[in-house]
Amino acid sequence: MIGKYAFCPTSGASLSREAHYDEQGRPERVPQSDNLSPNAALESPLTMGKRRSSRRALTTYFRRCHRRHADPNEDLGRRAALAIGRLKRRACGRQERDLIVWFALGERLARDGFDVDWMTSHAEPRCPDCSGRLTYAMEPDGPVGRCGGSCDDTGDDRLDTIRETVCSLFAQTFPDDPSPDTDALELL
């Protein structure tokens, strides 16, 4: 992931607060080793995160985030790792983004009976086109998220696009389950 929730896309390690600047002035942060990523500082390059991370990185991020909210649950960890693997294998195009996989994972785990409300604290919906931040407005049908960077002039609700992409990935990955309704997703 990028932005506030960025992590190392290779190992899933947390990133240092301190930024280092490359020869072109772009900020980069150092992956921090911990018990979930013991060699992260040695094996991972400087980064600010990526839109698409490895299966290992997203699984590590999930475990780290869950630890902040509850005692480790081995069954939840196993199911999450399996679901992330399946989601990553089936994803293509926009579906491959960590954000989309994260929200589809939340839907899968909620259907398996796990509490996933805490997952919303670890991902921020971003524009599916430019990955910019969204601006929100309250309309009669509920909140609407528009691209804060104005990457398109249509003013479409980017949250709808994100929901449709999540539902599409979920339906492709778990064809035996009923497809989720875009307005009834657990995390969006």
N, C-alpha and C. Protein backbone atom coordinates (compact mmCIF):
# COMPACT_ATOMS: atom_id res chain seq x y z
N MET A 1 0.84 -1.17 0.00
CA MET A 1 0.00 0.00 0.00
C MET A 1 0.88 1.24 0.00
N ILE A 2 0.28 2.31 -0.36
CA ILE A 2 1.01 3.57 -0.39
C ILE A 2 0.36 4.54 0.58
N GLY A 3 0.96 5.69 0.74
CA GLY A 3 0.40 6.72 1.59
C GLY A 3 0.60 6.43 3.06
N LYS A 4 -0.38 6.78 3.85
CA LYS A 4 -0.32 6.64 5.31
C LYS A 4 -0.09 5.20 5.75
N TYR A 5 -0.58 4.23 4.99
CA TYR A 5 -0.51 2.83 5.38
C TYR A 5 0.58 2.06 4.64
N ALA A 6 1.55 2.75 4.09
CA ALA A 6 2.61 2.11 3.31
C ALA A 6 3.40 1.11 4.14
N PHE A 7 3.81 0.04 3.49
CA PHE A 7 4.68 -0.97 4.08
C PHE A 7 5.58 -1.49 2.98
N CYS A 8 6.60 -2.23 3.35
CA CYS A 8 7.54 -2.77 2.37
C CYS A 8 6.81 -3.76 1.46
N PRO A 9 6.81 -3.54 0.14
CA PRO A 9 6.08 -4.42 -0.77
C PRO A 9 6.70 -5.79 -0.96
N THR A 10 7.89 -5.99 -0.45
CA THR A 10 8.56 -7.29 -0.57
C THR A 10 8.36 -8.14 0.68
N SER A 11 8.61 -7.53 1.85
CA SER A 11 8.57 -8.28 3.10
C SER A 11 7.34 -8.01 3.95
N GLY A 12 6.68 -6.88 3.74
CA GLY A 12 5.55 -6.49 4.59
C GLY A 12 5.98 -5.77 5.84
N ALA A 13 7.26 -5.47 5.96
CA ALA A 13 7.80 -4.81 7.15
C ALA A 13 7.29 -3.37 7.25
N SER A 14 7.20 -2.87 8.47
CA SER A 14 6.90 -1.46 8.68
C SER A 14 8.03 -0.64 8.12
N LEU A 15 7.75 0.61 7.79
CA LEU A 15 8.78 1.50 7.26
C LEU A 15 9.18 2.52 8.31
N SER A 16 10.43 2.95 8.25
CA SER A 16 10.94 3.95 9.20
C SER A 16 10.17 5.25 9.02
N ARG A 17 10.15 6.05 10.05
CA ARG A 17 9.54 7.37 9.95
C ARG A 17 10.44 8.32 9.16
N GLU A 18 11.73 8.14 9.32
CA GLU A 18 12.70 9.00 8.66
C GLU A 18 12.80 8.64 7.18
N ALA A 19 12.75 9.67 6.34
CA ALA A 19 12.88 9.48 4.90
C ALA A 19 14.29 9.80 4.45
N HIS A 20 14.76 9.05 3.47
CA HIS A 20 16.03 9.30 2.81
C HIS A 20 15.68 9.72 1.38
N TYR A 21 16.46 10.56 0.80
CA TYR A 21 16.15 11.08 -0.53
C TYR A 21 17.13 10.54 -1.55
N ASP A 22 16.59 10.07 -2.69
CA ASP A 22 17.46 9.57 -3.74
C ASP A 22 18.04 10.74 -4.53
N GLU A 23 18.81 10.42 -5.57
CA GLU A 23 19.50 11.46 -6.33
C GLU A 23 18.53 12.40 -7.07
N GLN A 24 17.27 12.00 -7.22
CA GLN A 24 16.27 12.85 -7.87
C GLN A 24 15.36 13.55 -6.86
N GLY A 25 15.69 13.41 -5.57
CA GLY A 25 14.93 14.09 -4.53
C GLY A 25 13.65 13.39 -4.10
N ARG A 26 13.47 12.14 -4.50
CA ARG A 26 12.28 11.38 -4.09
C ARG A 26 12.52 10.76 -2.72
N PRO A 27 11.54 10.87 -1.83
CA PRO A 27 11.72 10.29 -0.50
C PRO A 27 11.59 8.77 -0.52
N GLU A 28 12.38 8.11 0.28
CA GLU A 28 12.30 6.66 0.45
C GLU A 28 12.53 6.34 1.91
N ARG A 29 11.92 5.27 2.38
CA ARG A 29 12.05 4.89 3.79
C ARG A 29 12.65 3.49 3.90
N VAL A 30 13.21 3.21 5.04
CA VAL A 30 13.89 1.95 5.29
C VAL A 30 12.91 0.96 5.93
N PRO A 31 12.82 -0.28 5.41
CA PRO A 31 12.02 -1.31 6.08
C PRO A 31 12.63 -1.61 7.45
N GLN A 32 11.77 -1.79 8.46
CA GLN A 32 12.21 -2.04 9.82
C GLN A 32 12.01 -3.51 10.17
N SER A 33 13.06 -4.15 10.64
CA SER A 33 12.97 -5.55 11.05
C SER A 33 12.18 -5.67 12.35
N ASP A 34 11.42 -6.74 12.48
CA ASP A 34 10.72 -7.08 13.72
C ASP A 34 10.51 -8.58 13.73
N ASN A 35 9.74 -9.10 14.68
CA ASN A 35 9.60 -10.56 14.75
C ASN A 35 8.81 -11.15 13.57
N LEU A 36 8.01 -10.36 12.86
CA LEU A 36 7.31 -10.85 11.68
C LEU A 36 8.16 -10.75 10.41
N SER A 37 9.10 -9.82 10.40
CA SER A 37 10.01 -9.63 9.26
C SER A 37 11.42 -9.43 9.79
N PRO A 38 12.04 -10.49 10.30
CA PRO A 38 13.32 -10.34 11.00
C PRO A 38 14.48 -9.82 10.15
N ASN A 39 14.47 -10.06 8.86
CA ASN A 39 15.59 -9.63 8.02
C ASN A 39 15.22 -8.52 7.05
N ALA A 40 14.13 -7.83 7.33
CA ALA A 40 13.63 -6.83 6.39
C ALA A 40 14.64 -5.74 6.08
N ALA A 41 15.32 -5.25 7.08
CA ALA A 41 16.26 -4.15 6.87
C ALA A 41 17.44 -4.60 6.01
N LEU A 42 17.74 -5.89 6.01
CA LEU A 42 18.87 -6.39 5.25
C LEU A 42 18.52 -6.75 3.82
N GLU A 43 17.30 -7.29 3.61
CA GLU A 43 16.97 -7.84 2.30
C GLU A 43 16.07 -6.97 1.45
N SER A 44 15.46 -5.93 2.00
CA SER A 44 14.50 -5.13 1.26
C SER A 44 15.07 -3.76 0.89
N PRO A 45 14.74 -3.27 -0.29
CA PRO A 45 15.23 -1.97 -0.72
C PRO A 45 14.47 -0.82 -0.06
N LEU A 46 15.03 0.37 -0.15
CA LEU A 46 14.31 1.55 0.31
C LEU A 46 13.04 1.69 -0.51
N THR A 47 11.97 2.20 0.11
CA THR A 47 10.68 2.26 -0.58
C THR A 47 9.76 3.27 0.09
N MET A 48 8.71 3.64 -0.58
CA MET A 48 7.60 4.39 0.00
C MET A 48 6.33 3.54 -0.10
N GLY A 49 6.51 2.24 -0.37
CA GLY A 49 5.39 1.34 -0.58
C GLY A 49 5.05 1.28 -2.06
N LYS A 50 4.22 0.35 -2.42
CA LYS A 50 3.77 0.18 -3.81
C LYS A 50 2.28 -0.10 -3.79
N ARG A 51 1.65 0.07 -4.93
CA ARG A 51 0.21 -0.24 -5.03
C ARG A 51 -0.03 -1.74 -5.00
N ARG A 52 0.95 -2.50 -5.47
CA ARG A 52 0.86 -3.96 -5.50
C ARG A 52 2.03 -4.55 -4.73
N SER A 53 1.72 -5.36 -3.76
CA SER A 53 2.76 -6.00 -2.94
C SER A 53 2.70 -7.50 -3.14
N SER A 54 3.73 -8.17 -2.66
CA SER A 54 3.76 -9.62 -2.74
C SER A 54 2.73 -10.23 -1.78
N ARG A 55 2.41 -11.48 -2.02
CA ARG A 55 1.50 -12.21 -1.13
C ARG A 55 2.08 -12.23 0.28
N ARG A 56 3.36 -12.50 0.36
CA ARG A 56 4.05 -12.54 1.66
C ARG A 56 3.93 -11.20 2.39
N ALA A 57 4.13 -10.11 1.66
CA ALA A 57 4.08 -8.78 2.28
C ALA A 57 2.68 -8.46 2.79
N LEU A 58 1.66 -8.75 2.00
CA LEU A 58 0.29 -8.44 2.44
C LEU A 58 -0.12 -9.32 3.62
N THR A 59 0.31 -10.57 3.62
CA THR A 59 0.02 -11.46 4.75
C THR A 59 0.71 -10.95 6.02
N THR A 60 1.95 -10.53 5.91
CA THR A 60 2.67 -9.98 7.07
C THR A 60 1.99 -8.71 7.56
N TYR A 61 1.59 -7.85 6.64
CA TYR A 61 0.89 -6.62 7.02
C TYR A 61 -0.41 -6.96 7.76
N PHE A 62 -1.15 -7.94 7.25
CA PHE A 62 -2.39 -8.36 7.91
C PHE A 62 -2.10 -8.81 9.35
N ARG A 63 -1.11 -9.66 9.51
CA ARG A 63 -0.78 -10.17 10.85
C ARG A 63 -0.35 -9.04 11.79
N ARG A 64 0.45 -8.11 11.29
CA ARG A 64 0.91 -6.99 12.11
C ARG A 64 -0.29 -6.12 12.54
N CYS A 65 -1.16 -5.84 11.61
CA CYS A 65 -2.33 -5.01 11.92
C CYS A 65 -3.27 -5.71 12.91
N HIS A 66 -3.48 -7.00 12.70
CA HIS A 66 -4.37 -7.74 13.59
C HIS A 66 -3.83 -7.78 15.01
N ARG A 67 -2.51 -7.90 15.14
CA ARG A 67 -1.88 -7.92 16.47
C ARG A 67 -2.18 -6.66 17.26
N ARG A 68 -2.36 -5.55 16.57
CA ARG A 68 -2.65 -4.28 17.25
C ARG A 68 -4.05 -4.24 17.84
N HIS A 69 -4.94 -5.10 17.35
CA HIS A 69 -6.34 -5.05 17.77
C HIS A 69 -6.78 -6.20 18.65
N ALA A 70 -6.07 -7.30 18.58
CA ALA A 70 -6.51 -8.48 19.34
C ALA A 70 -5.34 -9.44 19.52
N ASP A 71 -5.54 -10.39 20.41
CA ASP A 71 -4.54 -11.45 20.56
C ASP A 71 -4.47 -12.24 19.26
N PRO A 72 -3.30 -12.73 18.91
CA PRO A 72 -3.17 -13.51 17.68
C PRO A 72 -4.14 -14.70 17.67
N ASN A 73 -4.79 -14.88 16.54
CA ASN A 73 -5.74 -15.96 16.35
C ASN A 73 -5.19 -16.81 15.21
N GLU A 74 -4.69 -18.00 15.53
CA GLU A 74 -4.05 -18.84 14.52
C GLU A 74 -5.00 -19.21 13.40
N ASP A 75 -6.27 -19.50 13.74
CA ASP A 75 -7.24 -19.86 12.71
C ASP A 75 -7.46 -18.68 11.75
N LEU A 76 -7.62 -17.49 12.29
CA LEU A 76 -7.79 -16.30 11.46
C LEU A 76 -6.55 -16.07 10.60
N GLY A 77 -5.37 -16.20 11.17
CA GLY A 77 -4.13 -16.01 10.41
C GLY A 77 -4.00 -16.99 9.26
N ARG A 78 -4.34 -18.25 9.50
CA ARG A 78 -4.28 -19.27 8.43
C ARG A 78 -5.29 -18.97 7.33
N ARG A 79 -6.51 -18.66 7.74
CA ARG A 79 -7.55 -18.38 6.74
C ARG A 79 -7.21 -17.14 5.93
N ALA A 80 -6.68 -16.13 6.59
CA ALA A 80 -6.29 -14.91 5.89
C ALA A 80 -5.18 -15.21 4.88
N ALA A 81 -4.18 -15.97 5.29
CA ALA A 81 -3.06 -16.31 4.39
C ALA A 81 -3.56 -17.09 3.18
N LEU A 82 -4.45 -18.05 3.40
CA LEU A 82 -5.00 -18.82 2.28
C LEU A 82 -5.82 -17.93 1.35
N ALA A 83 -6.66 -17.08 1.93
CA ALA A 83 -7.50 -16.19 1.12
C ALA A 83 -6.65 -15.19 0.34
N ILE A 84 -5.63 -14.64 0.97
CA ILE A 84 -4.74 -13.70 0.26
C ILE A 84 -4.08 -14.41 -0.92
N GLY A 85 -3.61 -15.62 -0.70
CA GLY A 85 -3.00 -16.39 -1.79
C GLY A 85 -3.96 -16.60 -2.95
N ARG A 86 -5.19 -16.98 -2.64
CA ARG A 86 -6.19 -17.19 -3.70
C ARG A 86 -6.53 -15.89 -4.40
N LEU A 87 -6.71 -14.82 -3.64
CA LEU A 87 -7.05 -13.53 -4.22
C LEU A 87 -5.93 -13.03 -5.13
N LYS A 88 -4.69 -13.15 -4.67
CA LYS A 88 -3.55 -12.68 -5.45
C LYS A 88 -3.41 -13.47 -6.76
N ARG A 89 -3.68 -14.78 -6.72
CA ARG A 89 -3.58 -15.60 -7.93
C ARG A 89 -4.62 -15.23 -8.97
N ARG A 90 -5.82 -14.88 -8.52
CA ARG A 90 -6.92 -14.59 -9.45
C ARG A 90 -6.95 -13.14 -9.92
N ALA A 91 -6.34 -12.26 -9.18
CA ALA A 91 -6.41 -10.83 -9.49
C ALA A 91 -5.66 -10.49 -10.78
N CYS A 92 -6.21 -9.55 -11.51
CA CYS A 92 -5.53 -9.02 -12.70
C CYS A 92 -5.92 -7.56 -12.87
N GLY A 93 -5.03 -6.79 -13.46
CA GLY A 93 -5.30 -5.37 -13.68
C GLY A 93 -5.48 -4.62 -12.36
N ARG A 94 -6.51 -3.82 -12.29
CA ARG A 94 -6.79 -3.04 -11.07
C ARG A 94 -7.03 -3.92 -9.84
N GLN A 95 -7.51 -5.12 -10.06
CA GLN A 95 -7.79 -6.02 -8.95
C GLN A 95 -6.54 -6.39 -8.17
N GLU A 96 -5.38 -6.26 -8.77
CA GLU A 96 -4.13 -6.66 -8.12
C GLU A 96 -3.69 -5.69 -7.03
N ARG A 97 -4.27 -4.52 -6.98
CA ARG A 97 -3.85 -3.53 -5.99
C ARG A 97 -4.16 -4.01 -4.58
N ASP A 98 -3.23 -3.72 -3.68
CA ASP A 98 -3.37 -4.15 -2.29
C ASP A 98 -4.71 -3.74 -1.70
N LEU A 99 -5.14 -2.54 -2.00
CA LEU A 99 -6.39 -2.02 -1.45
C LEU A 99 -7.57 -2.90 -1.83
N ILE A 100 -7.63 -3.31 -3.08
CA ILE A 100 -8.74 -4.15 -3.57
C ILE A 100 -8.66 -5.53 -2.91
N VAL A 101 -7.47 -6.11 -2.87
CA VAL A 101 -7.30 -7.42 -2.24
C VAL A 101 -7.66 -7.33 -0.75
N TRP A 102 -7.28 -6.23 -0.08
CA TRP A 102 -7.57 -6.04 1.34
C TRP A 102 -9.08 -6.04 1.59
N PHE A 103 -9.83 -5.29 0.78
CA PHE A 103 -11.28 -5.22 0.97
C PHE A 103 -11.95 -6.55 0.62
N ALA A 104 -11.47 -7.25 -0.40
CA ALA A 104 -12.02 -8.57 -0.73
C ALA A 104 -11.70 -9.57 0.37
N LEU A 105 -10.50 -9.46 0.95
CA LEU A 105 -10.12 -10.31 2.09
C LEU A 105 -11.07 -10.07 3.26
N GLY A 106 -11.38 -8.82 3.53
CA GLY A 106 -12.32 -8.51 4.61
C GLY A 106 -13.67 -9.16 4.39
N GLU A 107 -14.15 -9.13 3.17
CA GLU A 107 -15.43 -9.76 2.83
C GLU A 107 -15.37 -11.27 3.06
N ARG A 108 -14.27 -11.90 2.62
CA ARG A 108 -14.11 -13.36 2.79
C ARG A 108 -14.10 -13.73 4.28
N LEU A 109 -13.31 -13.00 5.07
CA LEU A 109 -13.20 -13.31 6.50
C LEU A 109 -14.50 -13.05 7.24
N ALA A 110 -15.21 -12.00 6.86
CA ALA A 110 -16.51 -11.73 7.49
C ALA A 110 -17.49 -12.86 7.20
N ARG A 111 -17.47 -13.38 6.00
CA ARG A 111 -18.36 -14.50 5.65
C ARG A 111 -17.96 -15.78 6.39
N ASP A 112 -16.70 -15.86 6.80
CA ASP A 112 -16.24 -17.00 7.59
C ASP A 112 -16.51 -16.81 9.08
N GLY A 113 -17.15 -15.70 9.45
CA GLY A 113 -17.55 -15.48 10.82
C GLY A 113 -16.57 -14.69 11.68
N PHE A 114 -15.56 -14.08 11.08
CA PHE A 114 -14.59 -13.30 11.85
C PHE A 114 -14.99 -11.83 11.90
N ASP A 115 -14.62 -11.18 12.99
CA ASP A 115 -14.82 -9.74 13.12
C ASP A 115 -13.73 -9.05 12.30
N VAL A 116 -14.13 -8.22 11.34
CA VAL A 116 -13.15 -7.56 10.47
C VAL A 116 -13.27 -6.04 10.52
N ASP A 117 -14.07 -5.52 11.42
CA ASP A 117 -14.23 -4.06 11.49
C ASP A 117 -12.90 -3.35 11.65
N TRP A 118 -11.97 -3.94 12.38
CA TRP A 118 -10.66 -3.35 12.62
C TRP A 118 -9.87 -3.13 11.34
N MET A 119 -10.18 -3.88 10.28
CA MET A 119 -9.42 -3.78 9.03
C MET A 119 -9.57 -2.42 8.35
N THR A 120 -10.68 -1.73 8.60
CA THR A 120 -10.88 -0.41 7.98
C THR A 120 -9.88 0.61 8.50
N SER A 121 -9.31 0.36 9.67
CA SER A 121 -8.32 1.27 10.24
C SER A 121 -6.95 1.15 9.58
N HIS A 122 -6.80 0.23 8.64
CA HIS A 122 -5.49 -0.04 8.05
C HIS A 122 -5.47 0.06 6.53
N ALA A 123 -6.48 0.68 5.96
CA ALA A 123 -6.51 0.87 4.51
C ALA A 123 -7.34 2.12 4.21
N GLU A 124 -6.90 2.87 3.23
CA GLU A 124 -7.58 4.09 2.84
C GLU A 124 -7.98 3.97 1.38
N PRO A 125 -9.29 4.06 1.08
CA PRO A 125 -9.68 4.04 -0.34
C PRO A 125 -9.00 5.18 -1.10
N ARG A 126 -8.47 4.85 -2.27
CA ARG A 126 -7.79 5.83 -3.11
C ARG A 126 -8.36 5.74 -4.52
N CYS A 127 -8.16 6.77 -5.29
CA CYS A 127 -8.68 6.82 -6.66
C CYS A 127 -8.17 5.61 -7.45
N PRO A 128 -9.07 4.85 -8.07
CA PRO A 128 -8.63 3.68 -8.84
C PRO A 128 -7.84 4.03 -10.10
N ASP A 129 -7.92 5.27 -10.56
CA ASP A 129 -7.20 5.65 -11.76
C ASP A 129 -5.80 6.18 -11.46
N CYS A 130 -5.71 7.15 -10.55
CA CYS A 130 -4.40 7.78 -10.30
C CYS A 130 -3.83 7.48 -8.92
N SER A 131 -4.57 6.76 -8.10
CA SER A 131 -4.19 6.42 -6.72
C SER A 131 -4.09 7.65 -5.81
N GLY A 132 -4.69 8.74 -6.24
CA GLY A 132 -4.72 9.94 -5.40
C GLY A 132 -5.74 9.80 -4.28
N ARG A 133 -5.65 10.69 -3.33
CA ARG A 133 -6.61 10.69 -2.22
C ARG A 133 -7.99 11.07 -2.72
N LEU A 134 -8.98 10.59 -2.02
CA LEU A 134 -10.36 10.92 -2.37
C LEU A 134 -10.86 12.06 -1.48
N THR A 135 -11.75 12.85 -2.03
CA THR A 135 -12.47 13.84 -1.24
C THR A 135 -13.90 13.33 -1.13
N TYR A 136 -14.51 13.58 0.00
CA TYR A 136 -15.83 13.00 0.26
C TYR A 136 -16.88 14.09 0.40
N ALA A 137 -18.07 13.77 -0.08
CA ALA A 137 -19.22 14.65 0.07
C ALA A 137 -20.41 13.78 0.46
N MET A 138 -21.28 14.32 1.28
CA MET A 138 -22.48 13.58 1.67
C MET A 138 -23.60 13.95 0.70
N GLU A 139 -24.15 12.94 0.06
CA GLU A 139 -25.27 13.12 -0.86
C GLU A 139 -26.45 12.33 -0.32
N PRO A 140 -27.63 12.52 -0.89
CA PRO A 140 -28.83 11.83 -0.37
C PRO A 140 -28.69 10.31 -0.28
N ASP A 141 -27.92 9.70 -1.20
CA ASP A 141 -27.73 8.25 -1.19
C ASP A 141 -26.58 7.80 -0.31
N GLY A 142 -25.90 8.73 0.35
CA GLY A 142 -24.77 8.39 1.21
C GLY A 142 -23.52 9.10 0.76
N PRO A 143 -22.37 8.74 1.36
CA PRO A 143 -21.12 9.41 1.01
C PRO A 143 -20.66 9.07 -0.41
N VAL A 144 -20.08 10.06 -1.04
CA VAL A 144 -19.54 9.91 -2.40
C VAL A 144 -18.07 10.30 -2.34
N GLY A 145 -17.21 9.48 -2.91
CA GLY A 145 -15.78 9.76 -2.96
C GLY A 145 -15.36 10.14 -4.37
N ARG A 146 -14.81 11.32 -4.49
CA ARG A 146 -14.33 11.79 -5.80
C ARG A 146 -12.81 11.95 -5.74
N CYS A 147 -12.19 11.84 -6.88
CA CYS A 147 -10.73 11.99 -6.95
C CYS A 147 -10.35 13.40 -6.51
N GLY A 148 -9.49 13.48 -5.50
CA GLY A 148 -9.03 14.77 -5.02
C GLY A 148 -8.02 15.41 -5.95
N GLY A 149 -7.48 14.63 -6.87
CA GLY A 149 -6.51 15.14 -7.83
C GLY A 149 -7.13 15.50 -9.16
N SER A 150 -8.43 15.30 -9.29
CA SER A 150 -9.15 15.61 -10.53
C SER A 150 -8.55 14.91 -11.74
N CYS A 151 -8.29 13.63 -11.60
CA CYS A 151 -7.71 12.89 -12.72
C CYS A 151 -8.71 12.69 -13.84
N ASP A 152 -10.00 12.83 -13.54
CA ASP A 152 -11.01 12.83 -14.60
C ASP A 152 -12.03 13.92 -14.27
N ASP A 153 -12.66 14.40 -15.30
CA ASP A 153 -13.59 15.52 -15.13
C ASP A 153 -15.03 15.09 -14.92
N THR A 154 -15.29 13.78 -14.87
CA THR A 154 -16.67 13.32 -14.77
C THR A 154 -17.23 13.47 -13.36
N GLY A 155 -16.37 13.48 -12.35
CA GLY A 155 -16.85 13.60 -10.97
C GLY A 155 -17.54 12.33 -10.49
N ASP A 156 -17.24 11.19 -11.15
CA ASP A 156 -17.86 9.92 -10.76
C ASP A 156 -17.49 9.55 -9.33
N ASP A 157 -18.36 8.76 -8.72
CA ASP A 157 -18.11 8.26 -7.37
C ASP A 157 -17.06 7.16 -7.48
N ARG A 158 -15.86 7.44 -7.02
CA ARG A 158 -14.76 6.48 -7.11
C ARG A 158 -14.98 5.32 -6.14
N LEU A 159 -15.75 5.55 -5.07
CA LEU A 159 -16.06 4.45 -4.15
C LEU A 159 -16.86 3.36 -4.86
N ASP A 160 -17.77 3.77 -5.76
CA ASP A 160 -18.53 2.78 -6.54
C ASP A 160 -17.60 1.94 -7.40
N THR A 161 -16.63 2.59 -8.02
CA THR A 161 -15.67 1.85 -8.86
C THR A 161 -14.87 0.87 -8.01
N ILE A 162 -14.45 1.30 -6.83
CA ILE A 162 -13.70 0.41 -5.93
C ILE A 162 -14.58 -0.76 -5.52
N ARG A 163 -15.82 -0.49 -5.14
CA ARG A 163 -16.74 -1.57 -4.73
C ARG A 163 -16.94 -2.58 -5.85
N GLU A 164 -17.14 -2.09 -7.07
CA GLU A 164 -17.35 -3.00 -8.21
C GLU A 164 -16.12 -3.86 -8.45
N THR A 165 -14.95 -3.28 -8.32
CA THR A 165 -13.71 -4.04 -8.52
C THR A 165 -13.54 -5.10 -7.44
N VAL A 166 -13.85 -4.74 -6.19
CA VAL A 166 -13.77 -5.70 -5.08
C VAL A 166 -14.76 -6.85 -5.32
N CYS A 167 -15.99 -6.53 -5.70
CA CYS A 167 -16.99 -7.57 -5.94
C CYS A 167 -16.58 -8.48 -7.09
N SER A 168 -16.01 -7.89 -8.13
CA SER A 168 -15.55 -8.67 -9.27
C SER A 168 -14.45 -9.65 -8.86
N LEU A 169 -13.47 -9.17 -8.11
CA LEU A 169 -12.39 -10.05 -7.64
C LEU A 169 -12.94 -11.14 -6.73
N PHE A 170 -13.83 -10.78 -5.82
CA PHE A 170 -14.40 -11.76 -4.90
C PHE A 170 -15.14 -12.85 -5.68
N ALA A 171 -15.96 -12.45 -6.65
CA ALA A 171 -16.74 -13.41 -7.43
C ALA A 171 -15.84 -14.35 -8.24
N GLN A 172 -14.75 -13.82 -8.79
CA GLN A 172 -13.81 -14.66 -9.57
C GLN A 172 -13.06 -15.63 -8.66
N THR A 173 -12.70 -15.18 -7.47
CA THR A 173 -11.88 -15.98 -6.57
C THR A 173 -12.69 -17.04 -5.83
N PHE A 174 -13.90 -16.68 -5.45
CA PHE A 174 -14.76 -17.59 -4.68
C PHE A 174 -16.08 -17.81 -5.42
N PRO A 175 -16.03 -18.53 -6.56
CA PRO A 175 -17.23 -18.69 -7.39
C PRO A 175 -18.36 -19.47 -6.72
N ASP A 176 -18.06 -20.26 -5.71
CA ASP A 176 -19.11 -21.04 -5.03
C ASP A 176 -19.91 -20.22 -4.03
N ASP A 177 -19.41 -19.04 -3.69
CA ASP A 177 -20.11 -18.14 -2.76
C ASP A 177 -20.98 -17.18 -3.55
N PRO A 178 -22.09 -16.75 -2.96
CA PRO A 178 -22.89 -15.73 -3.65
C PRO A 178 -22.08 -14.44 -3.78
N SER A 179 -22.18 -13.82 -4.93
CA SER A 179 -21.44 -12.57 -5.15
C SER A 179 -21.98 -11.49 -4.22
N PRO A 180 -21.08 -10.72 -3.62
CA PRO A 180 -21.53 -9.67 -2.71
C PRO A 180 -22.19 -8.53 -3.48
N ASP A 181 -23.15 -7.90 -2.85
CA ASP A 181 -23.79 -6.71 -3.41
C ASP A 181 -22.84 -5.54 -3.13
N THR A 182 -22.67 -4.67 -4.11
CA THR A 182 -21.71 -3.56 -3.93
C THR A 182 -22.06 -2.66 -2.75
N ASP A 183 -23.33 -2.57 -2.40
CA ASP A 183 -23.73 -1.73 -1.28
C ASP A 183 -23.68 -2.45 0.06
N ALA A 184 -23.34 -3.74 0.05
CA ALA A 184 -23.35 -4.52 1.28
C ALA A 184 -21.98 -5.08 1.65
N LEU A 185 -20.92 -4.54 1.04
CA LEU A 185 -19.58 -5.02 1.38
C LEU A 185 -19.27 -4.71 2.83
N GLU A 186 -18.58 -5.60 3.46
CA GLU A 186 -18.29 -5.50 4.88
C GLU A 186 -17.43 -4.28 5.23
N LEU A 187 -16.42 -3.97 4.42
CA LEU A 187 -15.48 -2.91 4.77
C LEU A 187 -15.69 -1.59 4.02
N LEU A 188 -16.51 -1.56 3.01
CA LEU A 188 -16.70 -0.30 2.26
C LEU A 188 -18.10 0.23 2.43
